[in-house]
């Protein structure tokens, strides 16, 4: 019949401390994951906005290049 090693309360205390520490670290990791996920979503929205603005600027440049200057146009009665 195997004998059980003597029970050491110091080992139990250390194990409890490790478990508490791991639980705390897991909570921190979960919180950081939420922050990273939200930042990624925000970055995607910002990139979409930048792309829309770039397209609008290109459209405005093309429009400006193709339209004539109103000051150069002769009035309709001329």
PDB file of N, CA and C in Angstrom:
ATOM      1  N   UNK A   1       0.839  -1.177   0.000  1.00  0.00           N
ATOM      2  CA  UNK A   1       0.000   0.000   0.000  1.00  0.00           C
ATOM      3  C   UNK A   1       0.886   1.243   0.000  1.00  0.00           C
ATOM      4  N   UNK A   2       0.651   2.179  -1.001  1.00  0.00           N
ATOM      5  CA  UNK A   2       1.513   3.359  -1.075  1.00  0.00           C
ATOM      6  C   UNK A   2       1.226   4.309   0.075  1.00  0.00           C
ATOM      7  N   UNK A   3       2.256   4.965   0.479  1.00  0.00           N
ATOM      8  CA  UNK A   3       2.094   5.946   1.550  1.00  0.00           C
ATOM      9  C   UNK A   3       2.006   7.329   0.932  1.00  0.00           C
ATOM     10  N   UNK A   4       1.162   8.166   1.497  1.00  0.00           N
ATOM     11  CA  UNK A   4       1.029   9.544   1.030  1.00  0.00           C
ATOM     12  C   UNK A   4       2.149  10.385   1.610  1.00  0.00           C
ATOM     13  N   UNK A   5       2.704  11.290   0.790  1.00  0.00           N
ATOM     14  CA  UNK A   5       3.753  12.159   1.331  1.00  0.00           C
ATOM     15  C   UNK A   5       3.151  13.079   2.385  1.00  0.00           C
ATOM     16  N   UNK A   6       3.964  13.564   3.272  1.00  0.00           N
ATOM     17  CA  UNK A   6       3.437  14.470   4.301  1.00  0.00           C
ATOM     18  C   UNK A   6       2.831  15.712   3.646  1.00  0.00           C
ATOM     19  N   UNK A   7       1.734  16.173   4.196  1.00  0.00           N
ATOM     20  CA  UNK A   7       1.021  17.334   3.665  1.00  0.00           C
ATOM     21  C   UNK A   7       1.758  18.607   4.079  1.00  0.00           C
ATOM     22  N   UNK A   8       2.003  19.438   3.094  1.00  0.00           N
ATOM     23  CA  UNK A   8       2.725  20.674   3.370  1.00  0.00           C
ATOM     24  C   UNK A   8       1.798  21.841   3.056  1.00  0.00           C
ATOM     25  N   UNK A   9       1.424  22.602   4.071  1.00  0.00           N
ATOM     26  CA  UNK A   9       0.508  23.728   3.857  1.00  0.00           C
ATOM     27  C   UNK A   9       1.172  24.826   3.025  1.00  0.00           C
ATOM     28  N   UNK A  10       2.485  24.912   3.067  1.00  0.00           N
ATOM     29  CA  UNK A  10       3.193  25.898   2.256  1.00  0.00           C
ATOM     30  C   UNK A  10       2.986  25.611   0.764  1.00  0.00           C
ATOM     31  N   UNK A  11       2.986  24.351   0.390  1.00  0.00           N
ATOM     32  CA  UNK A  11       2.755  23.976  -1.005  1.00  0.00           C
ATOM     33  C   UNK A  11       1.332  24.350  -1.401  1.00  0.00           C
ATOM     34  N   UNK A  12       0.376  24.089  -0.522  1.00  0.00           N
ATOM     35  CA  UNK A  12      -1.018  24.461  -0.797  1.00  0.00           C
ATOM     36  C   UNK A  12      -1.154  25.972  -0.972  1.00  0.00           C
ATOM     37  N   UNK A  13      -0.516  26.725  -0.101  1.00  0.00           N
ATOM     38  CA  UNK A  13      -0.576  28.189  -0.200  1.00  0.00           C
ATOM     39  C   UNK A  13       0.033  28.672  -1.518  1.00  0.00           C
ATOM     40  N   UNK A  14       1.151  28.086  -1.887  1.00  0.00           N
ATOM     41  CA  UNK A  14       1.788  28.477  -3.145  1.00  0.00           C
ATOM     42  C   UNK A  14       0.904  28.129  -4.335  1.00  0.00           C
ATOM     43  N   UNK A  15       0.284  26.966  -4.291  1.00  0.00           N
ATOM     44  CA  UNK A  15      -0.601  26.554  -5.376  1.00  0.00           C
ATOM     45  C   UNK A  15      -1.794  27.501  -5.483  1.00  0.00           C
ATOM     46  N   UNK A  16      -2.364  27.863  -4.362  1.00  0.00           N
ATOM     47  CA  UNK A  16      -3.493  28.806  -4.357  1.00  0.00           C
ATOM     48  C   UNK A  16      -3.049  30.150  -4.924  1.00  0.00           C
ATOM     49  N   UNK A  17      -1.878  30.622  -4.520  1.00  0.00           N
ATOM     50  CA  UNK A  17      -1.359  31.894  -5.043  1.00  0.00           C
ATOM     51  C   UNK A  17      -1.137  31.823  -6.556  1.00  0.00           C
ATOM     52  N   UNK A  18      -0.588  30.703  -7.042  1.00  0.00           N
ATOM     53  CA  UNK A  18      -0.414  30.543  -8.487  1.00  0.00           C
ATOM     54  C   UNK A  18      -1.753  30.563  -9.212  1.00  0.00           C
ATOM     55  N   UNK A  19      -2.729  29.862  -8.669  1.00  0.00           N
ATOM     56  CA  UNK A  19      -4.051  29.828  -9.300  1.00  0.00           C
ATOM     57  C   UNK A  19      -4.683  31.217  -9.327  1.00  0.00           C
ATOM     58  N   UNK A  20      -4.531  31.969  -8.245  1.00  0.00           N
ATOM     59  CA  UNK A  20      -5.068  33.330  -8.210  1.00  0.00           C
ATOM     60  C   UNK A  20      -4.346  34.212  -9.226  1.00  0.00           C
ATOM     61  N   UNK A  21      -3.053  34.054  -9.302  1.00  0.00           N
ATOM     62  CA  UNK A  21      -2.261  34.842 -10.245  1.00  0.00           C
ATOM     63  C   UNK A  21      -2.659  34.511 -11.689  1.00  0.00           C
ATOM     64  N   UNK A  22      -2.828  33.243 -11.977  1.00  0.00           N
ATOM     65  CA  UNK A  22      -3.238  32.834 -13.324  1.00  0.00           C
ATOM     66  C   UNK A  22      -4.623  33.375 -13.647  1.00  0.00           C
ATOM     67  N   UNK A  23      -5.539  33.329 -12.694  1.00  0.00           N
ATOM     68  CA  UNK A  23      -6.887  33.859 -12.922  1.00  0.00           C
ATOM     69  C   UNK A  23      -6.825  35.359 -13.214  1.00  0.00           C
ATOM     70  N   UNK A  24      -5.996  36.073 -12.464  1.00  0.00           N
ATOM     71  CA  UNK A  24      -5.835  37.512 -12.695  1.00  0.00           C
ATOM     72  C   UNK A  24      -5.249  37.772 -14.088  1.00  0.00           C
ATOM     73  N   UNK A  25      -4.227  37.028 -14.452  1.00  0.00           N
ATOM     74  CA  UNK A  25      -3.607  37.205 -15.766  1.00  0.00           C
ATOM     75  C   UNK A  25      -4.593  36.889 -16.886  1.00  0.00           C
ATOM     76  N   UNK A  26      -5.420  35.869 -16.697  1.00  0.00           N
ATOM     77  CA  UNK A  26      -6.415  35.531 -17.716  1.00  0.00           C
ATOM     78  C   UNK A  26      -7.408  36.669 -17.890  1.00  0.00           C
ATOM     79  N   UNK A  27      -7.809  37.290 -16.784  1.00  0.00           N
ATOM     80  CA  UNK A  27      -8.729  38.427 -16.855  1.00  0.00           C
ATOM     81  C   UNK A  27      -8.071  39.594 -17.601  1.00  0.00           C
ATOM     82  N   UNK A  28      -6.812  39.852 -17.320  1.00  0.00           N
ATOM     83  CA  UNK A  28      -6.089  40.929 -18.002  1.00  0.00           C
ATOM     84  C   UNK A  28      -5.974  40.627 -19.497  1.00  0.00           C
ATOM     85  N   UNK A  29      -5.654  39.398 -19.843  1.00  0.00           N
ATOM     86  CA  UNK A  29      -5.546  39.014 -21.253  1.00  0.00           C
ATOM     87  C   UNK A  29      -6.890  39.201 -21.950  1.00  0.00           C
ATOM     88  N   UNK A  30      -7.982  38.802 -21.302  1.00  0.00           N
ATOM     89  CA  UNK A  30      -9.314  38.976 -21.890  1.00  0.00           C
ATOM     90  C   UNK A  30      -9.627  40.454 -22.116  1.00  0.00           C
ATOM     91  N   UNK A  31      -9.284  41.286 -21.139  1.00  0.00           N
ATOM     92  CA  UNK A  31      -9.531  42.724 -21.280  1.00  0.00           C
ATOM     93  C   UNK A  31      -8.695  43.314 -22.416  1.00  0.00           C
ATOM     94  N   UNK A  32      -7.445  42.925 -22.492  1.00  0.00           N
ATOM     95  CA  UNK A  32      -6.580  43.422 -23.567  1.00  0.00           C
ATOM     96  C   UNK A  32      -7.070  42.946 -24.929  1.00  0.00           C
ATOM     97  N   UNK A  33      -7.573  41.730 -24.982  1.00  0.00           N
ATOM     98  CA  UNK A  33      -8.118  41.222 -26.237  1.00  0.00           C
ATOM     99  C   UNK A  33      -9.307  42.066 -26.688  1.00  0.00           C
ATOM    100  N   UNK A  34     -10.159  42.452 -25.754  1.00  0.00           N
ATOM    101  CA  UNK A  34     -11.292  43.317 -26.092  1.00  0.00           C
ATOM    102  C   UNK A  34     -10.806  44.658 -26.640  1.00  0.00           C
ATOM    103  N   UNK A  35      -9.787  45.219 -26.009  1.00  0.00           N
ATOM    104  CA  UNK A  35      -9.246  46.501 -26.458  1.00  0.00           C
ATOM    105  C   UNK A  35      -8.670  46.368 -27.870  1.00  0.00           C
ATOM    106  N   UNK A  36      -7.907  45.321 -28.106  1.00  0.00           N
ATOM    107  CA  UNK A  36      -7.301  45.118 -29.423  1.00  0.00           C
ATOM    108  C   UNK A  36      -8.385  44.933 -30.482  1.00  0.00           C
ATOM    109  N   UNK A  37      -9.422  44.179 -30.161  1.00  0.00           N
ATOM    110  CA  UNK A  37     -10.514  43.951 -31.110  1.00  0.00           C
ATOM    111  C   UNK A  37     -11.212  45.259 -31.444  1.00  0.00           C
ATOM    112  N   UNK A  38     -11.505  46.068 -30.439  1.00  0.00           N
ATOM    113  CA  UNK A  38     -12.156  47.359 -30.679  1.00  0.00           C
ATOM    114  C   UNK A  38     -11.258  48.293 -31.482  1.00  0.00           C
ATOM    115  N   UNK A  39      -9.966  48.287 -31.193  1.00  0.00           N
ATOM    116  CA  UNK A  39      -9.034  49.130 -31.944  1.00  0.00           C
ATOM    117  C   UNK A  39      -8.971  48.700 -33.409  1.00  0.00           C
ATOM    118  N   UNK A  40      -9.003  47.400 -33.656  1.00  0.00           N
ATOM    119  CA  UNK A  40      -8.978  46.907 -35.036  1.00  0.00           C
ATOM    120  C   UNK A  40     -10.233  47.349 -35.778  1.00  0.00           C
ATOM    121  N   UNK A  41     -11.384  47.269 -35.113  1.00  0.00           N
ATOM    122  CA  UNK A  41     -12.632  47.724 -35.741  1.00  0.00           C
ATOM    123  C   UNK A  41     -12.570  49.221 -36.035  1.00  0.00           C
ATOM    124  N   UNK A  42     -12.062  49.975 -35.080  1.00  0.00           N
ATOM    125  CA  UNK A  42     -11.953  51.425 -35.267  1.00  0.00           C
ATOM    126  C   UNK A  42     -11.000  51.743 -36.421  1.00  0.00           C
ATOM    127  N   UNK A  43      -9.900  51.036 -36.479  1.00  0.00           N
ATOM    128  CA  UNK A  43      -8.932  51.250 -37.557  1.00  0.00           C
ATOM    129  C   UNK A  43      -9.568  50.937 -38.912  1.00  0.00           C
ATOM    130  N   UNK A  44     -10.356  49.874 -38.984  1.00  0.00           N
ATOM    131  CA  UNK A  44     -11.039  49.543 -40.240  1.00  0.00           C
ATOM    132  C   UNK A  44     -11.993  50.657 -40.653  1.00  0.00           C
ATOM    133  N   UNK A  45     -12.754  51.189 -39.687  1.00  0.00           N
ATOM    134  CA  UNK A  45     -13.676  52.285 -40.000  1.00  0.00           C
ATOM    135  C   UNK A  45     -12.911  53.516 -40.478  1.00  0.00           C
ATOM    136  N   UNK A  46     -11.806  53.813 -39.817  1.00  0.00           N
ATOM    137  CA  UNK A  46     -11.008  54.971 -40.214  1.00  0.00           C
ATOM    138  C   UNK A  46     -10.423  54.776 -41.609  1.00  0.00           C
ATOM    139  N   UNK A  47      -9.964  53.563 -41.913  1.00  0.00           N
ATOM    140  CA  UNK A  47      -9.411  53.290 -43.237  1.00  0.00           C
ATOM    141  C   UNK A  47     -10.490  53.440 -44.300  1.00  0.00           C
ATOM    142  N   UNK A  48     -11.695  52.988 -44.009  1.00  0.00           N
ATOM    143  CA  UNK A  48     -12.799  53.165 -44.958  1.00  0.00           C
ATOM    144  C   UNK A  48     -13.079  54.644 -45.194  1.00  0.00           C
ATOM    145  N   UNK A  49     -13.059  55.430 -44.127  1.00  0.00           N
ATOM    146  CA  UNK A  49     -13.284  56.867 -44.255  1.00  0.00           C
ATOM    147  C   UNK A  49     -12.183  57.512 -45.091  1.00  0.00           C
ATOM    148  N   UNK A  50     -10.951  57.130 -44.848  1.00  0.00           N
ATOM    149  CA  UNK A  50      -9.827  57.668 -45.625  1.00  0.00           C
ATOM    150  C   UNK A  50      -9.991  57.319 -47.099  1.00  0.00           C
ATOM    151  N   UNK A  51     -10.364  56.073 -47.382  1.00  0.00           N
ATOM    152  CA  UNK A  51     -10.561  55.659 -48.778  1.00  0.00           C
ATOM    153  C   UNK A  51     -11.668  56.470 -49.439  1.00  0.00           C
ATOM    154  N   UNK A  52     -12.756  56.703 -48.724  1.00  0.00           N
ATOM    155  CA  UNK A  52     -13.854  57.499 -49.272  1.00  0.00           C
ATOM    156  C   UNK A  52     -13.401  58.931 -49.551  1.00  0.00           C
ATOM    157  N   UNK A  53     -12.651  59.498 -48.625  1.00  0.00           N
ATOM    158  CA  UNK A  53     -12.155  60.864 -48.818  1.00  0.00           C
ATOM    159  C   UNK A  53     -11.185  60.944 -49.995  1.00  0.00           C
ATOM    160  N   UNK A  54     -10.321  59.953 -50.127  1.00  0.00           N
ATOM    161  CA  UNK A  54      -9.391  59.939 -51.257  1.00  0.00           C
ATOM    162  C   UNK A  54     -10.154  59.860 -52.578  1.00  0.00           C
ATOM    163  N   UNK A  55     -11.175  59.025 -52.619  1.00  0.00           N
ATOM    164  CA  UNK A  55     -11.982  58.923 -53.841  1.00  0.00           C
ATOM    165  C   UNK A  55     -12.687  60.236 -54.142  1.00  0.00           C
ATOM    166  N   UNK A  56     -13.203  60.884 -53.117  1.00  0.00           N
ATOM    167  CA  UNK A  56     -13.884  62.164 -53.307  1.00  0.00           C
ATOM    168  C   UNK A  56     -12.909  63.218 -53.833  1.00  0.00           C
ATOM    169  N   UNK A  57     -11.708  63.243 -53.293  1.00  0.00           N
ATOM    170  CA  UNK A  57     -10.694  64.202 -53.752  1.00  0.00           C
ATOM    171  C   UNK A  57     -10.351  63.942 -55.216  1.00  0.00           C
ATOM    172  N   UNK A  58     -10.196  62.673 -55.586  1.00  0.00           N
ATOM    173  CA  UNK A  58      -9.910  62.341 -56.989  1.00  0.00           C
ATOM    174  C   UNK A  58     -11.042  62.820 -57.889  1.00  0.00           C
ATOM    175  N   UNK A  59     -12.283  62.583 -57.459  1.00  0.00           N
ATOM    176  CA  UNK A  59     -13.434  63.035 -58.248  1.00  0.00           C
ATOM    177  C   UNK A  59     -13.431  64.552 -58.404  1.00  0.00           C
ATOM    178  N   UNK A  60     -13.113  65.248 -57.333  1.00  0.00           N
ATOM    179  CA  UNK A  60     -13.091  66.707 -57.385  1.00  0.00           C
ATOM    180  C   UNK A  60     -11.988  67.203 -58.318  1.00  0.00           C
ATOM    181  N   UNK A  61     -10.823  66.528 -58.298  1.00  0.00           N
ATOM    182  CA  UNK A  61      -9.729  66.917 -59.195  1.00  0.00           C
ATOM    183  C   UNK A  61     -10.137  66.719 -60.648  1.00  0.00           C
ATOM    184  N   UNK A  62     -10.746  65.587 -60.937  1.00  0.00           N
ATOM    185  CA  UNK A  62     -11.178  65.316 -62.312  1.00  0.00           C
ATOM    186  C   UNK A  62     -12.224  66.329 -62.729  1.00  0.00           C
ATOM    187  N   UNK A  63     -13.148  66.616 -61.846  1.00  0.00           N
ATOM    188  CA  UNK A  63     -14.198  67.592 -62.146  1.00  0.00           C
ATOM    189  C   UNK A  63     -13.598  68.965 -62.409  1.00  0.00           C
ATOM    190  N   UNK A  64     -12.613  69.337 -61.613  1.00  0.00           N
ATOM    191  CA  UNK A  64     -11.974  70.645 -61.787  1.00  0.00           C
ATOM    192  C   UNK A  64     -11.222  70.710 -63.115  1.00  0.00           C
ATOM    193  N   UNK A  65     -10.548  69.616 -63.460  1.00  0.00           N
ATOM    194  CA  UNK A  65      -9.774  69.589 -64.702  1.00  0.00           C
ATOM    195  C   UNK A  65     -10.675  69.619 -65.932  1.00  0.00           C
ATOM    196  N   UNK A  66     -11.830  69.012 -65.843  1.00  0.00           N
ATOM    197  CA  UNK A  66     -12.709  68.941 -67.016  1.00  0.00           C
ATOM    198  C   UNK A  66     -13.629  70.139 -67.140  1.00  0.00           C
ATOM    199  N   UNK A  67     -13.843  70.847 -66.064  1.00  0.00           N
ATOM    200  CA  UNK A  67     -14.726  72.014 -66.153  1.00  0.00           C
ATOM    201  C   UNK A  67     -13.900  73.252 -66.479  1.00  0.00           C
ATOM    202  N   UNK A  68     -14.535  74.163 -67.149  1.00  0.00           N
ATOM    203  CA  UNK A  68     -13.830  75.405 -67.482  1.00  0.00           C
ATOM    204  C   UNK A  68     -14.047  76.422 -66.368  1.00  0.00           C
ATOM    205  N   UNK A  69     -13.165  77.353 -66.315  1.00  0.00           N
ATOM    206  CA  UNK A  69     -13.242  78.404 -65.309  1.00  0.00           C
ATOM    207  C   UNK A  69     -14.400  79.335 -65.658  1.00  0.00           C
ATOM    208  N   UNK A  70     -15.336  79.565 -64.755  1.00  0.00           N
ATOM    209  CA  UNK A  70     -16.470  80.445 -65.041  1.00  0.00           C
ATOM    210  C   UNK A  70     -16.045  81.857 -65.429  1.00  0.00           C
ATOM    211  N   UNK A  71     -14.897  82.299 -64.969  1.00  0.00           N
ATOM    212  CA  UNK A  71     -14.429  83.640 -65.318  1.00  0.00           C
ATOM    213  C   UNK A  71     -13.989  83.717 -66.779  1.00  0.00           C
ATOM    214  N   UNK A  72     -13.601  82.586 -67.356  1.00  0.00           N
ATOM    215  CA  UNK A  72     -13.183  82.564 -68.757  1.00  0.00           C
ATOM    216  C   UNK A  72     -14.365  82.451 -69.721  1.00  0.00           C
ATOM    217  N   UNK A  73     -15.510  82.079 -69.219  1.00  0.00           N
ATOM    218  CA  UNK A  73     -16.674  81.913 -70.090  1.00  0.00           C
ATOM    219  C   UNK A  73     -17.274  83.267 -70.457  1.00  0.00           C
ATOM    220  N   UNK A  74     -17.751  83.345 -71.680  1.00  0.00           N
ATOM    221  CA  UNK A  74     -18.419  84.567 -72.119  1.00  0.00           C
ATOM    222  C   UNK A  74     -19.842  84.558 -71.569  1.00  0.00           C
ATOM    223  N   UNK A  75     -20.329  85.695 -71.210  1.00  0.00           N
ATOM    224  CA  UNK A  75     -21.706  85.740 -70.715  1.00  0.00           C
ATOM    225  C   UNK A  75     -22.681  85.325 -71.827  1.00  0.00           C
ATOM    226  N   UNK A  76     -23.862  84.847 -71.476  1.00  0.00           N
ATOM    227  CA  UNK A  76     -24.802  84.345 -72.475  1.00  0.00           C
ATOM    228  C   UNK A  76     -25.245  85.410 -73.484  1.00  0.00           C
ATOM    229  N   UNK A  77     -25.257  86.651 -73.117  1.00  0.00           N
ATOM    230  CA  UNK A  77     -25.710  87.705 -74.029  1.00  0.00           C
ATOM    231  C   UNK A  77     -24.599  88.213 -74.937  1.00  0.00           C
ATOM    232  N   UNK A  78     -23.409  87.743 -74.793  1.00  0.00           N
ATOM    233  CA  UNK A  78     -22.278  88.247 -75.551  1.00  0.00           C
ATOM    234  C   UNK A  78     -22.297  87.775 -76.962  1.00  0.00           C
TER     235      UNK A  78
END
